[in-house]
Amino acid sequence: MSEFNLIAKYFTRSAANADLSVGDDAALMRITVGHQLAVSVDMSVAGTHFYADAAPFDIGWKSMAVNISDMAAMGATPKWATLAIALPEVNEYWLSEFSRGLFACADTFNVDLIGGDTTRGPLNICVQIMGEVPTAKALLRSGAQVEDDIWVSGHLGSAALGLMYLQHTIQLPDNVATACLSALHHPMPRVTLGLALRAVANSCIDVSDGLVADLGHLLKASKLGANIALDKIACHEFLHEQLEKPAIQQCILAGGDDYELVFTAAES
């Protein structure tokens, strides 16, 4: 199947938020008056960011979700995405399931796929996300203030625990394994929270590389330091019950793949 047929079959749909989308040399969009365009891009490489034999639906969902999470961290409304993908071979089942997962996530957050490219090579997925935020209202890493409280949305550590389970380095009860694998494969970007935080947060970042690493980026940008109270961090009950174990602490503080928001706000 040719590149053009692949794009037409699996990645072409009508785009409600674009004047022109897939099918021309470039897409055309209108930016809402009084808003800025927020743009981010993430690359996912098989063997580095995901297992090549992972379920293609899960790969598709997560490829879109991790980018939408960047919009959430900026307090932006995600609207458009492009996809560039390298494939070692044309596997129609894989493409069908990958596109189903990609669009399932995109549809959840009203994101239009407006363009892309395909080529032959080792499995490599690159999604660019674009959104809108009112001018001068974006959440930044650099706005934290002395004496701010640090907040984290949702639970940390579950995705890392799910990865350990897949790697057979830990045994989990079935219900815990199900919850942790869902956190790993199907992160849910905190878009609604990000929009609300524009009114209260001084700084924000999403947790992709782990709390310590990403909070560190925020603190470096804000030229501040911080204290972390491990026992105050929300996490799955299974993790909380074993908080004294170094491996569990590592999951919570440095595991990554959480895609929750870490933000600072005036002391409550």
C-alpha atoms as a PDB file:
ATOM      1  CA  MET A   1       0.000   0.000   0.000  1.00  0.00           C
ATOM      2  CA  SER A   2       1.411   3.416  -0.934  1.00  0.00           C
ATOM      3  CA  GLU A   3       2.003   6.220   1.556  1.00  0.00           C
ATOM      4  CA  PHE A   4      -0.955   8.161   0.191  1.00  0.00           C
ATOM      5  CA  ASN A   5      -3.272   5.172   0.455  1.00  0.00           C
ATOM      6  CA  LEU A   6      -2.114   4.536   4.020  1.00  0.00           C
ATOM      7  CA  ILE A   7      -2.843   8.114   5.023  1.00  0.00           C
ATOM      8  CA  ALA A   8      -6.198   8.097   3.272  1.00  0.00           C
ATOM      9  CA  LYS A   9      -7.318   4.803   4.803  1.00  0.00           C
ATOM     10  CA  TYR A  10      -6.203   5.184   8.402  1.00  0.00           C
ATOM     11  CA  PHE A  11      -5.518   8.829   9.156  1.00  0.00           C
ATOM     12  CA  THR A  12      -7.907  10.978   7.118  1.00  0.00           C
ATOM     13  CA  ARG A  13     -11.024  12.326   8.809  1.00  0.00           C
ATOM     14  CA  SER A  14     -12.968  15.555   8.713  1.00  0.00           C
ATOM     15  CA  ALA A  15     -11.550  18.227  11.006  1.00  0.00           C
ATOM     16  CA  ALA A  16     -14.086  20.450  12.724  1.00  0.00           C
ATOM     17  CA  ASN A  17     -11.522  22.990  13.954  1.00  0.00           C
ATOM     18  CA  ALA A  18      -9.489  23.453  10.758  1.00  0.00           C
ATOM     19  CA  ASP A  19     -10.226  25.205   7.473  1.00  0.00           C
ATOM     20  CA  LEU A  20      -8.072  22.647   5.629  1.00  0.00           C
ATOM     21  CA  SER A  21      -6.598  19.424   7.009  1.00  0.00           C
ATOM     22  CA  VAL A  22      -5.166  16.169   5.615  1.00  0.00           C
ATOM     23  CA  GLY A  23      -4.879  16.030   1.822  1.00  0.00           C
ATOM     24  CA  ASP A  24      -3.006  19.185   0.823  1.00  0.00           C
ATOM     25  CA  ASP A  25       0.568  20.409   1.217  1.00  0.00           C
ATOM     26  CA  ALA A  26      -0.264  22.098   4.511  1.00  0.00           C
ATOM     27  CA  ALA A  27      -3.166  22.522   6.896  1.00  0.00           C
ATOM     28  CA  LEU A  28      -4.914  25.830   7.506  1.00  0.00           C
ATOM     29  CA  MET A  29      -6.254  26.874  10.903  1.00  0.00           C
ATOM     30  CA  ARG A  30      -7.643  30.070  12.365  1.00  0.00           C
ATOM     31  CA  ILE A  31      -6.433  31.210  15.770  1.00  0.00           C
ATOM     32  CA  THR A  32      -9.053  32.713  18.063  1.00  0.00           C
ATOM     33  CA  VAL A  33      -8.624  36.475  18.484  1.00  0.00           C
ATOM     34  CA  GLY A  34      -6.886  37.301  21.755  1.00  0.00           C
ATOM     35  CA  HIS A  35      -5.164  33.920  21.992  1.00  0.00           C
ATOM     36  CA  GLN A  36      -1.649  32.578  21.508  1.00  0.00           C
ATOM     37  CA  LEU A  37      -0.744  29.357  19.716  1.00  0.00           C
ATOM     38  CA  ALA A  38       0.789  26.719  22.002  1.00  0.00           C
ATOM     39  CA  VAL A  39       2.916  24.102  20.210  1.00  0.00           C
ATOM     40  CA  SER A  40       4.681  21.002  21.512  1.00  0.00           C
ATOM     41  CA  VAL A  41       6.105  17.809  20.014  1.00  0.00           C
ATOM     42  CA  ASP A  42       7.095  14.415  21.413  1.00  0.00           C
ATOM     43  CA  MET A  43       8.847  11.493  19.758  1.00  0.00           C
ATOM     44  CA  SER A  44       8.320   7.875  20.834  1.00  0.00           C
ATOM     45  CA  VAL A  45      10.783   5.207  19.685  1.00  0.00           C
ATOM     46  CA  ALA A  46      10.120   1.472  19.900  1.00  0.00           C
ATOM     47  CA  GLY A  47      12.444  -0.156  22.402  1.00  0.00           C
ATOM     48  CA  THR A  48      13.093   3.145  24.174  1.00  0.00           C
ATOM     49  CA  HIS A  49       9.668   4.564  25.008  1.00  0.00           C
ATOM     50  CA  PHE A  50       7.472   1.509  24.456  1.00  0.00           C
ATOM     51  CA  TYR A  51       7.747  -2.166  23.634  1.00  0.00           C
ATOM     52  CA  ALA A  52       7.423  -2.834  19.915  1.00  0.00           C
ATOM     53  CA  ASP A  53       5.043  -5.714  20.642  1.00  0.00           C
ATOM     54  CA  ALA A  54       2.758  -3.617  22.857  1.00  0.00           C
ATOM     55  CA  ALA A  55      -0.892  -3.443  21.848  1.00  0.00           C
ATOM     56  CA  PRO A  56      -1.097  -0.962  18.938  1.00  0.00           C
ATOM     57  CA  PHE A  57      -4.274   0.602  20.376  1.00  0.00           C
ATOM     58  CA  ASP A  58      -2.345   1.423  23.556  1.00  0.00           C
ATOM     59  CA  ILE A  59       0.570   2.858  21.558  1.00  0.00           C
ATOM     60  CA  GLY A  60      -1.826   5.058  19.596  1.00  0.00           C
ATOM     61  CA  TRP A  61      -3.633   6.326  22.690  1.00  0.00           C
ATOM     62  CA  LYS A  62      -0.465   7.115  24.589  1.00  0.00           C
ATOM     63  CA  SER A  63       1.246   8.768  21.603  1.00  0.00           C
ATOM     64  CA  MET A  64      -1.554  11.326  21.540  1.00  0.00           C
ATOM     65  CA  ALA A  65      -2.089  11.549  25.303  1.00  0.00           C
ATOM     66  CA  VAL A  66       1.474  12.489  26.220  1.00  0.00           C
ATOM     67  CA  ASN A  67       1.296  15.434  23.836  1.00  0.00           C
ATOM     68  CA  ILE A  68      -2.103  16.593  25.049  1.00  0.00           C
ATOM     69  CA  SER A  69      -0.643  16.512  28.564  1.00  0.00           C
ATOM     70  CA  ASP A  70       1.814  19.229  27.498  1.00  0.00           C
ATOM     71  CA  MET A  71      -1.144  21.420  26.566  1.00  0.00           C
ATOM     72  CA  ALA A  72      -2.703  20.755  29.973  1.00  0.00           C
ATOM     73  CA  ALA A  73       0.521  21.828  31.677  1.00  0.00           C
ATOM     74  CA  MET A  74       0.400  25.146  29.807  1.00  0.00           C
ATOM     75  CA  GLY A  75      -3.263  25.785  30.592  1.00  0.00           C
ATOM     76  CA  ALA A  76      -3.979  25.553  26.858  1.00  0.00           C
ATOM     77  CA  THR A  77      -6.923  24.027  25.027  1.00  0.00           C
ATOM     78  CA  PRO A  78      -5.603  21.287  22.690  1.00  0.00           C
ATOM     79  CA  LYS A  79      -7.046  21.591  19.182  1.00  0.00           C
ATOM     80  CA  TRP A  80      -4.824  20.207  16.406  1.00  0.00           C
ATOM     81  CA  ALA A  81      -2.221  17.488  15.957  1.00  0.00           C
ATOM     82  CA  THR A  82       0.070  16.164  13.241  1.00  0.00           C
ATOM     83  CA  LEU A  83       1.567  12.689  13.051  1.00  0.00           C
ATOM     84  CA  ALA A  84       4.845  11.520  11.502  1.00  0.00           C
ATOM     85  CA  ILE A  85       5.416   7.786  11.702  1.00  0.00           C
ATOM     86  CA  ALA A  86       8.135   5.428  10.482  1.00  0.00           C
ATOM     87  CA  LEU A  87       7.043   1.811  10.004  1.00  0.00           C
ATOM     88  CA  PRO A  88       9.289  -1.220   9.438  1.00  0.00           C
ATOM     89  CA  GLU A  89       6.500  -2.824   7.378  1.00  0.00           C
ATOM     90  CA  VAL A  90       2.887  -2.242   6.408  1.00  0.00           C
ATOM     91  CA  ASN A  91       0.751  -4.240   8.821  1.00  0.00           C
ATOM     92  CA  GLU A  92      -2.866  -3.284   8.287  1.00  0.00           C
ATOM     93  CA  TYR A  93      -4.099  -4.766  11.561  1.00  0.00           C
ATOM     94  CA  TRP A  94      -1.433  -2.804  13.460  1.00  0.00           C
ATOM     95  CA  LEU A  95      -2.275   0.407  11.618  1.00  0.00           C
ATOM     96  CA  SER A  96      -5.997  -0.059  12.146  1.00  0.00           C
ATOM     97  CA  GLU A  97      -5.588  -0.553  15.894  1.00  0.00           C
ATOM     98  CA  PHE A  98      -2.973   2.195  16.239  1.00  0.00           C
ATOM     99  CA  SER A  99      -5.186   4.725  14.464  1.00  0.00           C
ATOM    100  CA  ARG A 100      -8.176   3.598  16.541  1.00  0.00           C
ATOM    101  CA  GLY A 101      -6.261   4.294  19.751  1.00  0.00           C
ATOM    102  CA  LEU A 102      -4.859   7.578  18.443  1.00  0.00           C
ATOM    103  CA  PHE A 103      -8.289   8.860  17.444  1.00  0.00           C
ATOM    104  CA  ALA A 104      -9.950   7.551  20.613  1.00  0.00           C
ATOM    105  CA  CYS A 105      -7.674   9.815  22.637  1.00  0.00           C
ATOM    106  CA  ALA A 106      -7.938  12.711  20.175  1.00  0.00           C
ATOM    107  CA  ASP A 107     -11.737  12.515  20.189  1.00  0.00           C
ATOM    108  CA  THR A 108     -11.830  12.482  23.992  1.00  0.00           C
ATOM    109  CA  PHE A 109     -10.181  15.901  23.975  1.00  0.00           C
ATOM    110  CA  ASN A 110     -11.671  17.292  20.738  1.00  0.00           C
ATOM    111  CA  VAL A 111      -8.341  17.293  18.899  1.00  0.00           C
ATOM    112  CA  ASP A 112      -8.254  17.156  15.084  1.00  0.00           C
ATOM    113  CA  LEU A 113      -5.491  15.330  13.205  1.00  0.00           C
ATOM    114  CA  ILE A 114      -4.689  17.821  10.449  1.00  0.00           C
ATOM    115  CA  GLY A 115      -1.611  16.395   8.734  1.00  0.00           C
ATOM    116  CA  GLY A 116       1.289  14.007   8.836  1.00  0.00           C
ATOM    117  CA  ASP A 117       3.838  11.878   7.050  1.00  0.00           C
ATOM    118  CA  THR A 118       4.778   8.209   6.801  1.00  0.00           C
ATOM    119  CA  THR A 119       8.006   6.492   5.810  1.00  0.00           C
ATOM    120  CA  ARG A 120       9.706   3.114   6.089  1.00  0.00           C
ATOM    121  CA  GLY A 121      12.126   2.555   8.963  1.00  0.00           C
ATOM    122  CA  PRO A 122      12.361   1.385  12.578  1.00  0.00           C
ATOM    123  CA  LEU A 123       9.089   2.051  14.430  1.00  0.00           C
ATOM    124  CA  ASN A 124       9.151   5.708  15.419  1.00  0.00           C
ATOM    125  CA  ILE A 125       6.163   7.924  16.217  1.00  0.00           C
ATOM    126  CA  CYS A 126       6.275  11.720  16.349  1.00  0.00           C
ATOM    127  CA  VAL A 127       3.174  13.703  17.289  1.00  0.00           C
ATOM    128  CA  GLN A 128       3.010  17.485  17.254  1.00  0.00           C
ATOM    129  CA  ILE A 129       0.213  19.087  19.256  1.00  0.00           C
ATOM    130  CA  MET A 130      -1.129  22.618  18.917  1.00  0.00           C
ATOM    131  CA  GLY A 131      -3.599  24.476  21.072  1.00  0.00           C
ATOM    132  CA  GLU A 132      -4.777  27.901  22.151  1.00  0.00           C
ATOM    133  CA  VAL A 133      -4.368  29.856  25.350  1.00  0.00           C
ATOM    134  CA  PRO A 134      -5.533  33.422  26.107  1.00  0.00           C
ATOM    135  CA  THR A 135      -2.703  35.882  25.515  1.00  0.00           C
ATOM    136  CA  ALA A 136      -0.350  36.158  28.522  1.00  0.00           C
ATOM    137  CA  LYS A 137      -2.378  33.578  30.490  1.00  0.00           C
ATOM    138  CA  ALA A 138      -0.281  30.458  29.821  1.00  0.00           C
ATOM    139  CA  LEU A 139       0.989  28.475  32.790  1.00  0.00           C
ATOM    140  CA  LEU A 140       4.796  28.508  32.853  1.00  0.00           C
ATOM    141  CA  ARG A 141       7.490  26.635  34.729  1.00  0.00           C
ATOM    142  CA  SER A 142       9.121  29.889  35.770  1.00  0.00           C
ATOM    143  CA  GLY A 143       6.399  31.471  37.908  1.00  0.00           C
ATOM    144  CA  ALA A 144       6.814  29.707  41.267  1.00  0.00           C
ATOM    145  CA  GLN A 145       7.095  32.020  44.265  1.00  0.00           C
ATOM    146  CA  VAL A 146       8.813  31.709  47.646  1.00  0.00           C
ATOM    147  CA  GLU A 147       6.470  29.978  50.150  1.00  0.00           C
ATOM    148  CA  ASP A 148       4.240  28.553  47.412  1.00  0.00           C
ATOM    149  CA  ASP A 149       2.622  25.225  48.180  1.00  0.00           C
ATOM    150  CA  ILE A 150       3.403  22.392  45.747  1.00  0.00           C
ATOM    151  CA  TRP A 151       0.469  20.333  44.534  1.00  0.00           C
ATOM    152  CA  VAL A 152       0.195  17.155  42.473  1.00  0.00           C
ATOM    153  CA  SER A 153      -2.938  15.998  40.673  1.00  0.00           C
ATOM    154  CA  GLY A 154      -3.922  12.346  40.954  1.00  0.00           C
ATOM    155  CA  HIS A 155      -1.703   9.423  41.941  1.00  0.00           C
ATOM    156  CA  LEU A 156       2.015   9.052  41.266  1.00  0.00           C
ATOM    157  CA  GLY A 157       3.943   5.825  40.805  1.00  0.00           C
ATOM    158  CA  SER A 158       1.250   3.581  39.346  1.00  0.00           C
ATOM    159  CA  ALA A 159       2.599   3.644  35.787  1.00  0.00           C
ATOM    160  CA  ALA A 160       6.120   2.841  36.975  1.00  0.00           C
ATOM    161  CA  LEU A 161       4.753  -0.033  39.041  1.00  0.00           C
ATOM    162  CA  GLY A 162       2.914  -1.285  35.966  1.00  0.00           C
ATOM    163  CA  LEU A 163       6.175  -1.245  33.993  1.00  0.00           C
ATOM    164  CA  MET A 164       7.917  -3.213  36.733  1.00  0.00           C
ATOM    165  CA  TYR A 165       5.098  -5.747  36.551  1.00  0.00           C
ATOM    166  CA  LEU A 166       5.564  -6.106  32.783  1.00  0.00           C
ATOM    167  CA  GLN A 167       9.289  -6.565  33.323  1.00  0.00           C
ATOM    168  CA  HIS A 168       8.555  -9.326  35.867  1.00  0.00           C
ATOM    169  CA  THR A 169      10.475  -7.540  38.611  1.00  0.00           C
ATOM    170  CA  ILE A 170       7.465  -7.393  40.930  1.00  0.00           C
ATOM    171  CA  GLN A 171       4.346  -9.440  41.570  1.00  0.00           C
ATOM    172  CA  LEU A 172       1.037  -7.638  42.021  1.00  0.00           C
ATOM    173  CA  PRO A 173      -2.489  -8.661  42.965  1.00  0.00           C
ATOM    174  CA  ASP A 174      -4.706  -8.792  39.879  1.00  0.00           C
ATOM    175  CA  ASN A 175      -6.682  -5.663  40.783  1.00  0.00           C
ATOM    176  CA  VAL A 176      -3.504  -3.665  41.433  1.00  0.00           C
ATOM    177  CA  ALA A 177      -1.900  -4.898  38.205  1.00  0.00           C
ATOM    178  CA  THR A 178      -4.994  -3.877  36.232  1.00  0.00           C
ATOM    179  CA  ALA A 179      -4.977  -0.369  37.715  1.00  0.00           C
ATOM    180  CA  CYS A 180      -1.241   0.102  37.189  1.00  0.00           C
ATOM    181  CA  LEU A 181      -1.264  -1.174  33.602  1.00  0.00           C
ATOM    182  CA  SER A 182      -4.150   1.168  32.828  1.00  0.00           C
ATOM    183  CA  ALA A 183      -2.128   4.074  34.245  1.00  0.00           C
ATOM    184  CA  LEU A 184       0.851   3.035  32.104  1.00  0.00           C
ATOM    185  CA  HIS A 185      -0.960   2.444  28.823  1.00  0.00           C
ATOM    186  CA  HIS A 186      -3.863   4.909  29.009  1.00  0.00           C
ATOM    187  CA  PRO A 187      -2.784   8.118  30.770  1.00  0.00           C
ATOM    188  CA  MET A 188      -5.560  10.686  31.009  1.00  0.00           C
ATOM    189  CA  PRO A 189      -4.253  14.233  30.415  1.00  0.00           C
ATOM    190  CA  ARG A 190      -5.485  16.772  32.984  1.00  0.00           C
ATOM    191  CA  VAL A 191      -6.776  19.294  30.461  1.00  0.00           C
ATOM    192  CA  THR A 192      -9.765  20.498  32.489  1.00  0.00           C
ATOM    193  CA  LEU A 193      -7.566  21.010  35.539  1.00  0.00           C
ATOM    194  CA  GLY A 194      -4.968  22.865  33.495  1.00  0.00           C
ATOM    195  CA  LEU A 195      -7.588  25.317  32.262  1.00  0.00           C
ATOM    196  CA  ALA A 196      -8.825  25.922  35.812  1.00  0.00           C
ATOM    197  CA  LEU A 197      -5.297  26.412  37.144  1.00  0.00           C
ATOM    198  CA  ARG A 198      -4.802  29.526  35.022  1.00  0.00           C
ATOM    199  CA  ALA A 199      -6.722  31.380  37.734  1.00  0.00           C
ATOM    200  CA  VAL A 200      -4.790  30.081  40.746  1.00  0.00           C
ATOM    201  CA  ALA A 201      -1.422  28.487  39.900  1.00  0.00           C
ATOM    202  CA  ASN A 202       1.855  30.374  39.721  1.00  0.00           C
ATOM    203  CA  SER A 203       3.683  27.630  37.818  1.00  0.00           C
ATOM    204  CA  CYS A 204       2.987  24.210  36.336  1.00  0.00           C
ATOM    205  CA  ILE A 205       4.585  21.216  34.598  1.00  0.00           C
ATOM    206  CA  ASP A 206       3.393  17.727  33.722  1.00  0.00           C
ATOM    207  CA  VAL A 207       5.066  14.670  35.229  1.00  0.00           C
ATOM    208  CA  SER A 208       6.563  12.663  32.387  1.00  0.00           C
ATOM    209  CA  ASP A 209      10.080  11.903  33.648  1.00  0.00           C
ATOM    210  CA  GLY A 210       9.196  11.586  37.348  1.00  0.00           C
ATOM    211  CA  LEU A 211       8.297  14.004  40.134  1.00  0.00           C
ATOM    212  CA  VAL A 212      11.860  14.783  41.205  1.00  0.00           C
ATOM    213  CA  ALA A 213      13.065  15.410  37.647  1.00  0.00           C
ATOM    214  CA  ASP A 214      10.095  17.464  36.490  1.00  0.00           C
ATOM    215  CA  LEU A 215       9.690  19.441  39.699  1.00  0.00           C
ATOM    216  CA  GLY A 216      13.416  20.068  39.349  1.00  0.00           C
ATOM    217  CA  HIS A 217      12.838  21.628  35.919  1.00  0.00           C
ATOM    218  CA  LEU A 218      10.165  23.884  37.403  1.00  0.00           C
ATOM    219  CA  LEU A 219      12.347  24.904  40.333  1.00  0.00           C
ATOM    220  CA  LYS A 220      15.337  25.596  38.086  1.00  0.00           C
ATOM    221  CA  ALA A 221      13.201  27.832  35.864  1.00  0.00           C
ATOM    222  CA  SER A 222      11.871  29.636  38.944  1.00  0.00           C
ATOM    223  CA  LYS A 223      15.311  29.795  40.647  1.00  0.00           C
ATOM    224  CA  LEU A 224      13.950  28.177  43.813  1.00  0.00           C
ATOM    225  CA  GLY A 225      14.307  25.041  45.924  1.00  0.00           C
ATOM    226  CA  ALA A 226      11.703  22.852  47.596  1.00  0.00           C
ATOM    227  CA  ASN A 227      11.058  20.217  50.234  1.00  0.00           C
ATOM    228  CA  ILE A 228       9.059  17.097  49.330  1.00  0.00           C
ATOM    229  CA  ALA A 229       6.967  15.314  51.968  1.00  0.00           C
ATOM    230  CA  LEU A 230       6.862  11.761  50.594  1.00  0.00           C
ATOM    231  CA  ASP A 231       4.064  10.655  52.905  1.00  0.00           C
ATOM    232  CA  LYS A 232       1.830  13.465  51.624  1.00  0.00           C
ATOM    233  CA  ILE A 233       2.026  12.397  47.956  1.00  0.00           C
ATOM    234  CA  ALA A 234      -1.128  10.701  46.710  1.00  0.00           C
ATOM    235  CA  CYS A 235      -0.486   7.199  45.393  1.00  0.00           C
ATOM    236  CA  HIS A 236      -2.202   3.844  44.992  1.00  0.00           C
ATOM    237  CA  GLU A 237      -2.994   2.142  48.308  1.00  0.00           C
ATOM    238  CA  PHE A 238      -0.614  -0.707  47.413  1.00  0.00           C
ATOM    239  CA  LEU A 239       2.250   1.789  47.114  1.00  0.00           C
ATOM    240  CA  HIS A 240       1.295   3.702  50.240  1.00  0.00           C
ATOM    241  CA  GLU A 241       1.295   0.544  52.349  1.00  0.00           C
ATOM    242  CA  GLN A 242       4.920  -0.159  51.339  1.00  0.00           C
ATOM    243  CA  LEU A 243       6.234   3.374  51.432  1.00  0.00           C
ATOM    244  CA  GLU A 244       9.318   2.390  53.433  1.00  0.00           C
ATOM    245  CA  LYS A 245      10.699   0.274  50.561  1.00  0.00           C
ATOM    246  CA  PRO A 246      13.288   2.054  48.354  1.00  0.00           C
ATOM    247  CA  ALA A 247      11.860   0.530  45.153  1.00  0.00           C
ATOM    248  CA  ILE A 248       8.410   1.896  45.996  1.00  0.00           C
ATOM    249  CA  GLN A 249       9.834   5.325  46.808  1.00  0.00           C
ATOM    250  CA  GLN A 250      11.604   5.231  43.442  1.00  0.00           C
ATOM    251  CA  CYS A 251       8.298   4.531  41.676  1.00  0.00           C
ATOM    252  CA  ILE A 252       6.614   7.500  43.300  1.00  0.00           C
ATOM    253  CA  LEU A 253       9.447  10.018  43.097  1.00  0.00           C
ATOM    254  CA  ALA A 254      11.214   9.070  39.878  1.00  0.00           C
ATOM    255  CA  GLY A 255       9.196   6.449  38.020  1.00  0.00           C
ATOM    256  CA  GLY A 256       7.726   8.798  35.440  1.00  0.00           C
ATOM    257  CA  ASP A 257       4.965   8.235  32.892  1.00  0.00           C
ATOM    258  CA  ASP A 258       2.424   9.654  35.361  1.00  0.00           C
ATOM    259  CA  TYR A 259       1.209  12.572  33.210  1.00  0.00           C
ATOM    260  CA  GLU A 260      -0.235  14.294  36.239  1.00  0.00           C
ATOM    261  CA  LEU A 261       0.249  18.020  36.795  1.00  0.00           C
ATOM    262  CA  VAL A 262       2.635  19.440  39.375  1.00  0.00           C
ATOM    263  CA  PHE A 263       1.867  23.056  40.139  1.00  0.00           C
ATOM    264  CA  THR A 264       2.605  25.699  42.725  1.00  0.00           C
ATOM    265  CA  ALA A 265       0.167  28.158  44.230  1.00  0.00           C
ATOM    266  CA  ALA A 266       0.093  30.649  47.064  1.00  0.00           C
ATOM    267  CA  GLU A 267       0.204  29.028  50.489  1.00  0.00           C
ATOM    268  CA  SER A 268      -3.241  27.689  51.402  1.00  0.00           C
END
